[in-house]
Amino acid sequence: MGNIIEQLGFGQPFRIKSNLKVNELMNHDMIYIYHHLREGDIVELKKTSTDIHGNPVYDVWYKSFKLGVTSIDGVFRSFYENEELVYATISGLSKVKYQPINALDIQIGVESMKKAV
């Protein structure tokens, strides 16, 4: 496989990742699910709208529970602009024992092959 990639002129995969903060944490759903959330768990991002800067806005879901809202801006905006459903992983969470989460971070990434010149 590596030989085929070299023959086609492709280089090593191009990978970048970014952490996003989840805003507007949903406390009414969080009380049912907060004790199940761990770093590395997969969450779904479902596109809902765009913000005033034109960045796509996504609802963040874990199973059937809405956790909050996030938007994708900067370099990643062009990769995710037309995507209705995106998957991300939980990269960090902050909570006090027996209390709902008060901060949640997720990580998205892009991977593609780059053409060697």
Protein backbone atom coordinates (compact mmCIF):
# COMPACT_ATOMS: atom_id res chain seq x y z
CA MET A 1 0.00 0.00 0.00
CA GLY A 2 2.80 2.39 0.90
CA ASN A 3 4.44 1.74 -2.47
CA ILE A 4 1.22 2.67 -4.31
CA ILE A 5 0.97 5.91 -2.36
CA GLU A 6 4.59 6.75 -3.25
CA GLN A 7 3.93 5.98 -6.93
CA LEU A 8 0.91 8.30 -6.97
CA GLY A 9 3.04 11.06 -5.48
CA PHE A 10 1.19 11.47 -2.20
CA GLY A 11 3.03 12.36 0.98
CA GLN A 12 2.23 11.61 4.59
CA PRO A 13 -1.35 12.22 5.80
CA PHE A 14 -2.10 15.79 6.83
CA ARG A 15 -3.71 15.96 10.28
CA ILE A 16 -4.82 18.95 12.32
CA LYS A 17 -7.01 19.07 15.40
CA SER A 18 -8.73 21.82 17.31
CA ASN A 19 -10.44 22.10 20.68
CA LEU A 20 -13.81 23.83 20.89
CA LYS A 21 -15.64 25.06 23.96
CA VAL A 22 -19.23 23.91 24.37
CA ASN A 23 -21.39 26.88 25.30
CA GLU A 24 -24.87 27.07 26.80
CA LEU A 25 -24.56 23.79 28.71
CA MET A 26 -27.99 22.22 29.09
CA ASN A 27 -28.46 21.60 32.81
CA HIS A 28 -31.89 20.02 32.39
CA ASP A 29 -30.42 17.18 30.23
CA MET A 30 -27.04 17.17 31.97
CA ILE A 31 -28.45 15.82 35.25
CA TYR A 32 -29.28 12.52 33.53
CA ILE A 33 -25.99 12.00 31.72
CA TYR A 34 -23.11 13.90 33.39
CA HIS A 35 -21.83 10.89 35.35
CA HIS A 36 -21.46 8.88 32.11
CA LEU A 37 -19.30 11.44 30.26
CA ARG A 38 -15.57 10.74 30.02
CA GLU A 39 -12.69 12.16 28.01
CA GLY A 40 -12.47 10.36 24.68
CA ASP A 41 -16.23 9.73 24.38
CA ILE A 42 -17.71 10.49 20.97
CA VAL A 43 -20.35 13.21 20.61
CA GLU A 44 -22.44 14.26 17.60
CA LEU A 45 -22.58 17.80 16.31
CA LYS A 46 -25.78 18.57 14.42
CA LYS A 47 -25.86 21.80 12.43
CA THR A 48 -28.60 24.20 13.42
CA SER A 49 -27.71 27.60 11.95
CA THR A 50 -24.92 30.12 11.47
CA ASP A 51 -23.80 32.89 13.80
CA ILE A 52 -23.50 36.59 12.91
CA HIS A 53 -20.01 35.98 11.46
CA GLY A 54 -21.24 33.21 9.16
CA ASN A 55 -19.68 30.42 11.22
CA PRO A 56 -21.68 27.15 11.38
CA VAL A 57 -23.39 26.55 14.74
CA TYR A 58 -23.89 23.00 16.00
CA ASP A 59 -25.87 21.41 18.81
CA VAL A 60 -23.69 18.95 20.75
CA TRP A 61 -25.39 15.60 21.48
CA TYR A 62 -24.31 12.59 23.53
CA LYS A 63 -26.61 9.69 22.72
CA SER A 64 -30.07 11.32 22.90
CA PHE A 65 -29.09 14.10 25.31
CA LYS A 66 -28.30 17.63 24.19
CA LEU A 67 -25.21 18.91 26.00
CA GLY A 68 -24.89 22.42 24.58
CA VAL A 69 -23.98 24.49 21.53
CA THR A 70 -20.70 25.23 19.75
CA SER A 71 -19.58 27.02 16.60
CA ILE A 72 -16.70 26.24 14.26
CA ASP A 73 -14.59 29.16 13.08
CA GLY A 74 -11.15 29.89 11.73
CA VAL A 75 -9.37 27.37 9.50
CA PHE A 76 -11.85 24.59 10.34
CA ARG A 77 -14.82 26.59 9.09
CA SER A 78 -14.05 25.78 5.45
CA PHE A 79 -13.83 22.05 6.19
CA TYR A 80 -17.13 21.83 8.08
CA GLU A 81 -19.23 24.60 6.48
CA ASN A 82 -21.46 22.25 4.46
CA GLU A 83 -21.54 19.34 6.92
CA GLU A 84 -24.86 18.70 8.66
CA LEU A 85 -23.51 16.01 11.03
CA VAL A 86 -20.02 15.95 12.52
CA TYR A 87 -18.45 13.67 15.11
CA ALA A 88 -16.07 14.90 17.80
CA THR A 89 -14.52 13.57 20.98
CA ILE A 90 -14.66 14.98 24.47
CA SER A 91 -11.24 16.43 25.22
CA GLY A 92 -11.89 17.94 28.64
CA LEU A 93 -14.59 18.42 31.22
CA SER A 94 -14.78 20.17 34.53
CA LYS A 95 -17.11 19.11 37.30
CA VAL A 96 -17.48 18.94 41.05
CA LYS A 97 -18.39 15.54 42.50
CA TYR A 98 -22.16 14.93 42.43
CA GLN A 99 -22.71 18.16 40.46
CA PRO A 100 -23.43 18.62 36.74
CA ILE A 101 -20.60 19.59 34.43
CA ASN A 102 -19.72 23.29 34.45
CA ALA A 103 -17.29 23.27 31.46
CA LEU A 104 -16.96 20.97 28.46
CA ASP A 105 -14.40 20.94 25.63
CA ILE A 106 -14.54 18.83 22.47
CA GLN A 107 -11.96 18.09 19.80
CA ILE A 108 -12.53 17.99 16.06
CA GLY A 109 -9.99 17.15 13.42
CA VAL A 110 -9.24 16.99 9.73
CA GLU A 111 -7.20 14.34 7.99
CA SER A 112 -6.37 14.17 4.30
CA MET A 113 -3.62 13.11 1.97
CA LYS A 114 -1.38 15.83 0.64
CA LYS A 115 0.19 15.77 -2.78
CA ALA A 116 3.99 15.68 -2.73
CA VAL A 117 5.44 18.14 -5.18
